Amino acid sequence: MARNLLKNPNGDEEMLFWELTENGGNEWHVEEMPGDCGHEFGHEAVTKYFCTSFELCLKSQVIDLIEEGYNPEDLDNQPLVTIEDWYSGRTDCGCMYQLTVCLLDENKEVLHEYKPEPVTLDPDTDDCSWRQVTHTFYDYGPGLRYISFEHGGQDTKYWNGWFGVRVTGSSVTVDL
């Protein structure tokens, strides 16, 4: 089974290993599951999540695949790269979620990008429970050396505090 290359995917180590690329409002925060006006996650091993504020909050990691023990020849054979992320909102405030994952070459130039349209969750029209997003990269060409993973969002009512999107359970795997 392929291992998760993201470090601290659930906030168990607060913000360790994450670069805060946008840190608006009251900044990123880590809370215990299910949190105020939140939802149970469904996986007992996940007990925390990251939450965003009233201005855009994005965090990222860049994975160096050579440093992680992969050899260039194997990477040039274009192994499947699978990403997974979980997000939810609160039952009292809407939020917006976004995700961008890029496969990068040795110069950190983009080989391929996955950037779905941002998602808005509105407690007036849905339950805002935990949702999974997954994507598998294939046929992206030789040269893969790094993977950039960035996600986050904000609340839609501009409330002071941590009323924005919640994220946890993130993963990036390379299947050799």
N, C-alpha and C. Protein backbone atom coordinates (compact mmCIF):
# COMPACT_ATOMS: atom_id res chain seq x y z
N MET A 1 0.85 -1.19 0.00
CA MET A 1 0.00 0.00 0.00
C MET A 1 0.88 1.24 0.00
N ALA A 2 0.55 2.19 -0.82
CA ALA A 2 1.33 3.43 -0.91
C ALA A 2 1.16 4.26 0.36
N ARG A 3 2.23 4.94 0.75
CA ARG A 3 2.17 5.74 1.98
C ARG A 3 1.80 7.18 1.68
N ASN A 4 1.17 7.82 2.67
CA ASN A 4 0.80 9.23 2.55
C ASN A 4 2.06 10.08 2.66
N LEU A 5 2.32 10.87 1.63
CA LEU A 5 3.52 11.71 1.61
C LEU A 5 3.32 13.05 2.29
N LEU A 6 2.08 13.42 2.61
CA LEU A 6 1.83 14.66 3.35
C LEU A 6 2.12 14.42 4.83
N LYS A 7 2.78 15.38 5.42
CA LYS A 7 3.06 15.32 6.85
C LYS A 7 1.98 16.09 7.60
N ASN A 8 1.56 15.55 8.74
CA ASN A 8 0.56 16.19 9.58
C ASN A 8 -0.74 16.50 8.82
N PRO A 9 -1.37 15.50 8.23
CA PRO A 9 -2.55 15.74 7.40
C PRO A 9 -3.82 16.11 8.15
N ASN A 10 -3.84 15.87 9.48
CA ASN A 10 -5.07 16.08 10.25
C ASN A 10 -4.94 17.16 11.33
N GLY A 11 -3.79 17.79 11.45
CA GLY A 11 -3.62 18.81 12.48
C GLY A 11 -3.20 18.27 13.83
N ASP A 12 -2.81 17.00 13.89
CA ASP A 12 -2.37 16.43 15.17
C ASP A 12 -1.15 17.15 15.73
N GLU A 13 -0.37 17.78 14.84
CA GLU A 13 0.82 18.53 15.25
C GLU A 13 0.63 20.02 14.97
N GLU A 14 -0.61 20.49 15.21
CA GLU A 14 -0.98 21.89 14.94
C GLU A 14 -0.64 22.23 13.49
N MET A 15 0.17 23.27 13.23
CA MET A 15 0.46 23.70 11.86
C MET A 15 1.82 23.21 11.36
N LEU A 16 2.47 22.34 12.12
CA LEU A 16 3.80 21.85 11.74
C LEU A 16 3.77 21.23 10.34
N PHE A 17 4.78 21.53 9.55
CA PHE A 17 5.01 21.05 8.17
C PHE A 17 4.21 21.80 7.11
N TRP A 18 3.29 22.66 7.48
CA TRP A 18 2.48 23.39 6.51
C TRP A 18 3.02 24.80 6.32
N GLU A 19 3.09 25.25 5.09
CA GLU A 19 3.42 26.65 4.79
C GLU A 19 2.10 27.39 4.64
N LEU A 20 1.95 28.47 5.37
CA LEU A 20 0.72 29.25 5.31
C LEU A 20 0.85 30.24 4.16
N THR A 21 0.23 29.92 3.03
CA THR A 21 0.36 30.76 1.84
C THR A 21 -0.62 31.93 1.86
N GLU A 22 -1.74 31.77 2.53
CA GLU A 22 -2.69 32.85 2.82
C GLU A 22 -3.17 32.59 4.24
N ASN A 23 -3.13 33.62 5.07
CA ASN A 23 -3.45 33.42 6.48
C ASN A 23 -4.34 34.56 6.96
N GLY A 24 -5.48 34.76 6.27
CA GLY A 24 -6.33 35.90 6.53
C GLY A 24 -7.23 35.75 7.74
N GLY A 25 -7.86 36.86 8.08
CA GLY A 25 -8.81 36.86 9.19
C GLY A 25 -8.13 36.56 10.50
N ASN A 26 -8.67 35.56 11.20
CA ASN A 26 -8.09 35.15 12.48
C ASN A 26 -7.05 34.06 12.30
N GLU A 27 -6.62 33.82 11.07
CA GLU A 27 -5.59 32.84 10.73
C GLU A 27 -6.09 31.41 10.90
N TRP A 28 -5.28 30.47 10.43
CA TRP A 28 -5.60 29.05 10.55
C TRP A 28 -5.69 28.65 12.01
N HIS A 29 -6.48 27.60 12.27
CA HIS A 29 -6.70 27.13 13.63
C HIS A 29 -6.94 25.62 13.57
N VAL A 30 -6.58 24.89 14.61
CA VAL A 30 -6.83 23.45 14.70
C VAL A 30 -7.84 23.21 15.81
N GLU A 31 -8.85 22.38 15.54
CA GLU A 31 -9.88 22.07 16.53
C GLU A 31 -10.08 20.57 16.64
N GLU A 32 -10.68 20.16 17.75
CA GLU A 32 -11.03 18.76 17.99
C GLU A 32 -12.34 18.43 17.27
N MET A 33 -12.43 17.24 16.74
CA MET A 33 -13.62 16.74 16.07
C MET A 33 -14.73 16.55 17.09
N PRO A 34 -15.99 16.87 16.88
CA PRO A 34 -16.56 17.46 15.68
C PRO A 34 -16.57 18.99 15.70
N GLY A 35 -16.21 19.62 16.82
CA GLY A 35 -16.18 21.07 16.91
C GLY A 35 -17.57 21.68 17.02
N ASP A 36 -17.61 22.99 17.29
CA ASP A 36 -18.88 23.69 17.38
C ASP A 36 -19.62 23.61 16.05
N CYS A 37 -20.90 23.29 16.13
CA CYS A 37 -21.76 23.23 14.93
C CYS A 37 -21.15 22.37 13.84
N GLY A 38 -20.47 21.29 14.24
CA GLY A 38 -19.77 20.44 13.28
C GLY A 38 -20.40 19.09 13.11
N HIS A 39 -19.72 18.26 12.36
CA HIS A 39 -20.19 16.92 12.01
C HIS A 39 -19.14 15.89 12.40
N GLU A 40 -19.59 14.71 12.80
CA GLU A 40 -18.67 13.60 13.04
C GLU A 40 -18.00 13.24 11.72
N PHE A 41 -16.75 12.78 11.81
CA PHE A 41 -15.99 12.50 10.61
C PHE A 41 -16.23 11.09 10.06
N GLY A 42 -16.35 10.11 10.93
CA GLY A 42 -16.60 8.76 10.45
C GLY A 42 -15.38 7.85 10.49
N HIS A 43 -14.20 8.40 10.71
CA HIS A 43 -12.99 7.60 10.87
C HIS A 43 -12.42 7.92 12.26
N GLU A 44 -12.45 6.95 13.15
CA GLU A 44 -12.05 7.19 14.54
C GLU A 44 -10.61 7.69 14.67
N ALA A 45 -9.75 7.33 13.73
CA ALA A 45 -8.35 7.74 13.82
C ALA A 45 -8.18 9.25 13.61
N VAL A 46 -9.13 9.89 12.96
CA VAL A 46 -9.05 11.32 12.70
C VAL A 46 -9.82 12.04 13.80
N THR A 47 -9.09 12.77 14.66
CA THR A 47 -9.72 13.43 15.79
C THR A 47 -9.63 14.96 15.74
N LYS A 48 -8.90 15.48 14.75
CA LYS A 48 -8.73 16.93 14.63
C LYS A 48 -8.90 17.36 13.18
N TYR A 49 -9.08 18.65 13.00
CA TYR A 49 -9.16 19.23 11.66
C TYR A 49 -8.62 20.66 11.71
N PHE A 50 -8.27 21.17 10.55
CA PHE A 50 -7.85 22.56 10.39
C PHE A 50 -9.10 23.37 10.03
N CYS A 51 -9.21 24.59 10.54
CA CYS A 51 -10.33 25.43 10.14
C CYS A 51 -9.85 26.82 9.76
N THR A 52 -10.63 27.43 8.87
CA THR A 52 -10.28 28.72 8.30
C THR A 52 -11.13 29.82 8.90
N SER A 53 -10.79 31.03 8.54
CA SER A 53 -11.42 32.21 9.13
C SER A 53 -12.22 32.98 8.08
N PHE A 54 -12.43 34.27 8.34
CA PHE A 54 -13.31 35.08 7.49
C PHE A 54 -12.63 35.69 6.27
N GLU A 55 -11.33 35.59 6.19
CA GLU A 55 -10.61 35.96 4.98
C GLU A 55 -9.90 34.70 4.48
N LEU A 56 -9.45 34.73 3.24
CA LEU A 56 -8.88 33.54 2.63
C LEU A 56 -7.71 32.97 3.44
N CYS A 57 -7.79 31.68 3.71
CA CYS A 57 -6.74 30.92 4.39
C CYS A 57 -6.35 29.76 3.47
N LEU A 58 -5.08 29.73 3.06
CA LEU A 58 -4.56 28.62 2.26
C LEU A 58 -3.29 28.11 2.90
N LYS A 59 -3.09 26.80 2.88
CA LYS A 59 -1.85 26.22 3.38
C LYS A 59 -1.37 25.18 2.39
N SER A 60 -0.05 24.97 2.36
CA SER A 60 0.51 24.08 1.34
C SER A 60 1.70 23.30 1.87
N GLN A 61 1.98 22.23 1.14
CA GLN A 61 3.22 21.47 1.30
C GLN A 61 3.74 21.16 -0.09
N VAL A 62 5.06 21.21 -0.24
CA VAL A 62 5.71 20.76 -1.46
C VAL A 62 6.51 19.52 -1.10
N ILE A 63 6.18 18.42 -1.76
CA ILE A 63 6.81 17.13 -1.47
C ILE A 63 7.96 16.92 -2.45
N ASP A 64 9.16 16.71 -1.92
CA ASP A 64 10.34 16.40 -2.73
C ASP A 64 10.40 14.88 -2.85
N LEU A 65 10.06 14.36 -4.02
CA LEU A 65 9.95 12.92 -4.20
C LEU A 65 11.29 12.20 -4.12
N ILE A 66 12.37 12.84 -4.57
CA ILE A 66 13.70 12.24 -4.47
C ILE A 66 14.09 12.13 -2.99
N GLU A 67 13.84 13.19 -2.24
CA GLU A 67 14.12 13.18 -0.80
C GLU A 67 13.29 12.11 -0.08
N GLU A 68 12.11 11.82 -0.61
CA GLU A 68 11.23 10.80 -0.02
C GLU A 68 11.62 9.39 -0.42
N GLY A 69 12.70 9.23 -1.23
CA GLY A 69 13.21 7.92 -1.55
C GLY A 69 12.84 7.36 -2.91
N TYR A 70 12.16 8.13 -3.73
CA TYR A 70 11.81 7.66 -5.08
C TYR A 70 12.98 7.93 -6.01
N ASN A 71 13.21 7.02 -6.97
CA ASN A 71 14.31 7.28 -7.90
C ASN A 71 13.75 7.85 -9.20
N PRO A 72 14.55 8.68 -9.88
CA PRO A 72 14.09 9.37 -11.09
C PRO A 72 13.57 8.43 -12.18
N GLU A 73 14.18 7.27 -12.35
CA GLU A 73 13.74 6.35 -13.38
C GLU A 73 12.31 5.88 -13.12
N ASP A 74 12.01 5.52 -11.87
CA ASP A 74 10.64 5.11 -11.54
C ASP A 74 9.65 6.25 -11.76
N LEU A 75 10.04 7.46 -11.37
CA LEU A 75 9.16 8.62 -11.54
C LEU A 75 8.93 8.94 -13.02
N ASP A 76 9.96 8.74 -13.85
CA ASP A 76 9.81 9.00 -15.29
C ASP A 76 8.88 8.00 -15.98
N ASN A 77 8.57 6.89 -15.31
CA ASN A 77 7.60 5.93 -15.83
C ASN A 77 6.16 6.35 -15.53
N GLN A 78 5.99 7.53 -14.97
CA GLN A 78 4.68 8.14 -14.72
C GLN A 78 3.77 7.28 -13.82
N PRO A 79 4.22 7.00 -12.60
CA PRO A 79 3.36 6.24 -11.70
C PRO A 79 2.08 7.03 -11.39
N LEU A 80 1.04 6.31 -11.03
CA LEU A 80 -0.20 6.98 -10.63
C LEU A 80 0.06 7.81 -9.37
N VAL A 81 -0.43 9.03 -9.37
CA VAL A 81 -0.36 9.91 -8.19
C VAL A 81 -1.80 10.20 -7.79
N THR A 82 -2.17 9.81 -6.58
CA THR A 82 -3.54 9.99 -6.11
C THR A 82 -3.56 10.97 -4.95
N ILE A 83 -4.48 11.93 -5.03
CA ILE A 83 -4.66 12.89 -3.93
C ILE A 83 -6.05 12.69 -3.36
N GLU A 84 -6.16 13.00 -2.09
CA GLU A 84 -7.44 12.90 -1.39
C GLU A 84 -7.50 14.05 -0.39
N ASP A 85 -8.67 14.61 -0.21
CA ASP A 85 -8.87 15.65 0.78
C ASP A 85 -10.31 15.56 1.27
N TRP A 86 -10.53 15.96 2.51
CA TRP A 86 -11.86 16.00 3.11
C TRP A 86 -12.14 17.41 3.57
N TYR A 87 -13.37 17.88 3.33
CA TYR A 87 -13.75 19.23 3.77
C TYR A 87 -15.20 19.22 4.25
N SER A 88 -15.51 20.17 5.12
CA SER A 88 -16.89 20.32 5.59
C SER A 88 -17.09 21.77 6.04
N GLY A 89 -18.35 22.08 6.27
CA GLY A 89 -18.69 23.39 6.81
C GLY A 89 -19.35 23.25 8.16
N ARG A 90 -19.77 24.35 8.69
CA ARG A 90 -20.51 24.39 9.95
C ARG A 90 -22.00 24.39 9.64
N THR A 91 -22.81 24.10 10.65
CA THR A 91 -24.25 24.11 10.45
C THR A 91 -24.84 25.52 10.59
N ASP A 92 -24.00 26.51 10.95
CA ASP A 92 -24.51 27.86 11.17
C ASP A 92 -23.90 28.92 10.25
N CYS A 93 -22.94 28.56 9.40
CA CYS A 93 -22.28 29.56 8.57
C CYS A 93 -21.78 28.91 7.28
N GLY A 94 -22.02 29.54 6.17
CA GLY A 94 -21.54 29.02 4.90
C GLY A 94 -20.03 29.19 4.76
N CYS A 95 -19.46 28.46 3.80
CA CYS A 95 -18.02 28.53 3.60
C CYS A 95 -17.68 28.18 2.16
N MET A 96 -16.45 28.49 1.80
CA MET A 96 -15.92 28.19 0.47
C MET A 96 -14.65 27.36 0.66
N TYR A 97 -14.51 26.31 -0.20
CA TYR A 97 -13.36 25.41 -0.16
C TYR A 97 -12.68 25.44 -1.53
N GLN A 98 -11.33 25.40 -1.52
CA GLN A 98 -10.60 25.29 -2.78
C GLN A 98 -9.37 24.40 -2.60
N LEU A 99 -8.93 23.83 -3.73
CA LEU A 99 -7.82 22.89 -3.75
C LEU A 99 -7.05 23.06 -5.05
N THR A 100 -5.72 23.04 -4.94
CA THR A 100 -4.86 23.04 -6.12
C THR A 100 -3.72 22.07 -5.86
N VAL A 101 -3.54 21.10 -6.76
CA VAL A 101 -2.43 20.15 -6.66
C VAL A 101 -1.68 20.18 -7.98
N CYS A 102 -0.36 20.35 -7.90
CA CYS A 102 0.46 20.41 -9.11
C CYS A 102 1.57 19.37 -9.06
N LEU A 103 1.76 18.71 -10.19
CA LEU A 103 2.92 17.85 -10.38
C LEU A 103 4.00 18.73 -10.99
N LEU A 104 5.21 18.70 -10.39
CA LEU A 104 6.28 19.61 -10.79
C LEU A 104 7.52 18.86 -11.23
N ASP A 105 8.29 19.48 -12.14
CA ASP A 105 9.55 18.89 -12.58
C ASP A 105 10.69 19.34 -11.66
N GLU A 106 11.92 19.04 -12.04
CA GLU A 106 13.08 19.35 -11.18
C GLU A 106 13.26 20.85 -10.97
N ASN A 107 12.74 21.69 -11.88
CA ASN A 107 12.82 23.15 -11.74
C ASN A 107 11.55 23.72 -11.10
N LYS A 108 10.69 22.84 -10.63
CA LYS A 108 9.40 23.19 -10.03
C LYS A 108 8.48 23.90 -11.02
N GLU A 109 8.64 23.51 -12.29
CA GLU A 109 7.71 23.96 -13.34
C GLU A 109 6.56 22.95 -13.39
N VAL A 110 5.35 23.44 -13.65
CA VAL A 110 4.16 22.60 -13.62
C VAL A 110 4.11 21.66 -14.82
N LEU A 111 4.02 20.35 -14.51
CA LEU A 111 3.79 19.32 -15.54
C LEU A 111 2.29 19.12 -15.75
N HIS A 112 1.57 19.11 -14.65
CA HIS A 112 0.13 18.91 -14.70
C HIS A 112 -0.48 19.52 -13.44
N GLU A 113 -1.71 20.04 -13.58
CA GLU A 113 -2.38 20.68 -12.45
C GLU A 113 -3.79 20.16 -12.31
N TYR A 114 -4.22 19.97 -11.07
CA TYR A 114 -5.61 19.66 -10.75
C TYR A 114 -6.13 20.78 -9.88
N LYS A 115 -7.10 21.52 -10.40
CA LYS A 115 -7.66 22.67 -9.68
C LYS A 115 -9.16 22.73 -9.97
N PRO A 116 -9.95 21.97 -9.21
CA PRO A 116 -11.39 22.02 -9.43
C PRO A 116 -11.94 23.39 -9.05
N GLU A 117 -13.13 23.69 -9.55
CA GLU A 117 -13.79 24.95 -9.19
C GLU A 117 -13.99 24.99 -7.67
N PRO A 118 -13.83 26.17 -7.05
CA PRO A 118 -14.11 26.27 -5.62
C PRO A 118 -15.55 25.83 -5.32
N VAL A 119 -15.73 25.24 -4.15
CA VAL A 119 -17.03 24.74 -3.71
C VAL A 119 -17.54 25.64 -2.59
N THR A 120 -18.81 26.03 -2.70
CA THR A 120 -19.45 26.80 -1.62
C THR A 120 -20.45 25.90 -0.93
N LEU A 121 -20.35 25.84 0.39
CA LEU A 121 -21.30 25.08 1.21
C LEU A 121 -22.19 26.08 1.93
N ASP A 122 -23.50 25.86 1.86
CA ASP A 122 -24.49 26.75 2.47
C ASP A 122 -25.39 25.93 3.38
N PRO A 123 -25.37 26.17 4.70
CA PRO A 123 -26.19 25.36 5.61
C PRO A 123 -27.69 25.53 5.38
N ASP A 124 -28.09 26.55 4.63
CA ASP A 124 -29.51 26.71 4.33
C ASP A 124 -29.98 25.74 3.24
N THR A 125 -29.03 25.22 2.45
CA THR A 125 -29.42 24.34 1.34
C THR A 125 -28.81 22.94 1.40
N ASP A 126 -27.82 22.71 2.28
CA ASP A 126 -27.29 21.36 2.46
C ASP A 126 -26.78 21.20 3.88
N ASP A 127 -26.42 19.97 4.24
CA ASP A 127 -26.04 19.71 5.64
C ASP A 127 -24.58 20.05 5.94
N CYS A 128 -23.79 20.38 4.93
CA CYS A 128 -22.38 20.79 5.10
C CYS A 128 -21.53 19.72 5.78
N SER A 129 -21.93 18.45 5.67
CA SER A 129 -21.17 17.37 6.30
C SER A 129 -19.88 17.11 5.52
N TRP A 130 -19.03 16.24 6.05
CA TRP A 130 -17.73 15.95 5.46
C TRP A 130 -17.89 15.37 4.07
N ARG A 131 -17.11 15.90 3.14
CA ARG A 131 -17.10 15.45 1.75
C ARG A 131 -15.67 15.16 1.33
N GLN A 132 -15.55 14.18 0.47
CA GLN A 132 -14.23 13.76 0.00
C GLN A 132 -14.02 14.22 -1.43
N VAL A 133 -12.82 14.68 -1.72
CA VAL A 133 -12.42 14.94 -3.09
C VAL A 133 -11.20 14.07 -3.37
N THR A 134 -11.21 13.38 -4.50
CA THR A 134 -10.07 12.56 -4.90
C THR A 134 -9.77 12.82 -6.38
N HIS A 135 -8.52 12.62 -6.72
CA HIS A 135 -8.11 12.75 -8.11
C HIS A 135 -6.87 11.89 -8.32
N THR A 136 -6.78 11.23 -9.47
CA THR A 136 -5.59 10.45 -9.81
C THR A 136 -4.98 11.01 -11.08
N PHE A 137 -3.70 11.35 -11.00
CA PHE A 137 -2.94 11.83 -12.16
C PHE A 137 -2.36 10.62 -12.89
N TYR A 138 -2.41 10.64 -14.21
CA TYR A 138 -1.77 9.61 -15.04
C TYR A 138 -1.44 10.24 -16.39
N ASP A 139 -0.54 9.62 -17.15
CA ASP A 139 -0.13 10.13 -18.46
C ASP A 139 0.25 11.61 -18.43
N TYR A 140 1.05 12.00 -17.45
CA TYR A 140 1.42 13.40 -17.29
C TYR A 140 2.81 13.71 -17.85
N GLY A 141 3.47 12.71 -18.38
CA GLY A 141 4.79 12.90 -18.98
C GLY A 141 5.91 12.65 -17.98
N PRO A 142 7.13 12.43 -18.48
CA PRO A 142 8.27 12.19 -17.59
C PRO A 142 8.72 13.47 -16.91
N GLY A 143 9.51 13.32 -15.86
CA GLY A 143 10.12 14.47 -15.20
C GLY A 143 9.58 14.81 -13.82
N LEU A 144 8.60 14.07 -13.34
CA LEU A 144 8.03 14.36 -12.03
C LEU A 144 9.10 14.27 -10.94
N ARG A 145 9.22 15.34 -10.14
CA ARG A 145 10.16 15.34 -9.01
C ARG A 145 9.54 15.91 -7.74
N TYR A 146 8.53 16.75 -7.87
CA TYR A 146 7.88 17.38 -6.72
C TYR A 146 6.37 17.34 -6.91
N ILE A 147 5.65 17.41 -5.79
CA ILE A 147 4.20 17.56 -5.81
C ILE A 147 3.85 18.70 -4.86
N SER A 148 3.09 19.65 -5.35
CA SER A 148 2.61 20.77 -4.54
C SER A 148 1.13 20.55 -4.23
N PHE A 149 0.78 20.62 -2.94
CA PHE A 149 -0.60 20.41 -2.48
C PHE A 149 -1.00 21.65 -1.70
N GLU A 150 -2.06 22.34 -2.14
CA GLU A 150 -2.53 23.54 -1.44
C GLU A 150 -4.05 23.50 -1.34
N HIS A 151 -4.57 23.80 -0.15
CA HIS A 151 -6.01 23.84 0.04
C HIS A 151 -6.39 24.86 1.11
N GLY A 152 -7.68 25.13 1.19
CA GLY A 152 -8.18 26.06 2.20
C GLY A 152 -9.49 26.68 1.77
N GLY A 153 -9.74 27.89 2.28
CA GLY A 153 -10.97 28.59 1.98
C GLY A 153 -11.25 29.65 3.02
N GLN A 154 -12.53 29.91 3.23
CA GLN A 154 -12.95 30.94 4.18
C GLN A 154 -14.45 30.81 4.41
N ASP A 155 -14.97 31.61 5.37
CA ASP A 155 -16.42 31.60 5.55
C ASP A 155 -17.06 32.57 4.55
N THR A 156 -18.37 32.48 4.40
CA THR A 156 -19.06 33.31 3.41
C THR A 156 -19.82 34.47 4.05
N LYS A 157 -19.78 34.57 5.38
CA LYS A 157 -20.52 35.63 6.07
C LYS A 157 -19.60 36.67 6.71
N TYR A 158 -18.28 36.46 6.59
CA TYR A 158 -17.29 37.37 7.15
C TYR A 158 -17.47 37.53 8.66
N TRP A 159 -17.71 36.40 9.34
CA TRP A 159 -17.84 36.40 10.80
C TRP A 159 -16.46 36.30 11.44
N ASN A 160 -16.24 37.06 12.49
CA ASN A 160 -14.98 37.02 13.22
C ASN A 160 -14.85 35.69 13.95
N GLY A 161 -13.75 35.00 13.75
CA GLY A 161 -13.54 33.69 14.37
C GLY A 161 -13.19 32.66 13.32
N TRP A 162 -13.49 31.39 13.63
CA TRP A 162 -13.15 30.29 12.74
C TRP A 162 -14.44 29.62 12.25
N PHE A 163 -15.13 30.32 11.36
CA PHE A 163 -16.41 29.86 10.83
C PHE A 163 -16.28 29.35 9.39
N GLY A 164 -15.06 29.32 8.86
CA GLY A 164 -14.83 28.90 7.48
C GLY A 164 -14.74 27.40 7.32
N VAL A 165 -14.31 27.00 6.12
CA VAL A 165 -14.24 25.59 5.79
C VAL A 165 -13.27 24.85 6.72
N ARG A 166 -13.57 23.59 6.95
CA ARG A 166 -12.74 22.71 7.77
C ARG A 166 -12.15 21.66 6.84
N VAL A 167 -10.86 21.33 7.04
CA VAL A 167 -10.20 20.34 6.20
C VAL A 167 -9.42 19.36 7.07
N THR A 168 -9.37 18.10 6.62
CA THR A 168 -8.62 17.06 7.32
C THR A 168 -8.46 15.86 6.38
N GLY A 169 -7.72 14.86 6.84
CA GLY A 169 -7.60 13.62 6.09
C GLY A 169 -6.95 13.76 4.73
N SER A 170 -6.11 14.74 4.56
CA SER A 170 -5.46 14.98 3.26
C SER A 170 -4.41 13.91 3.00
N SER A 171 -4.27 13.52 1.73
CA SER A 171 -3.20 12.57 1.40
C SER A 171 -2.74 12.74 -0.04
N VAL A 172 -1.47 12.39 -0.24
CA VAL A 172 -0.86 12.31 -1.55
C VAL A 172 -0.09 11.00 -1.58
N THR A 173 -0.40 10.14 -2.54
CA THR A 173 0.32 8.86 -2.66
C THR A 173 0.84 8.67 -4.08
N VAL A 174 1.97 7.99 -4.17
CA VAL A 174 2.55 7.62 -5.46
C VAL A 174 2.55 6.11 -5.53
N ASP A 175 1.91 5.55 -6.55
CA ASP A 175 1.74 4.11 -6.66
C ASP A 175 2.73 3.54 -7.68
N LEU A 176 3.84 2.99 -7.16
CA LEU A 176 4.82 2.37 -8.04
C LEU A 176 4.44 0.93 -8.33
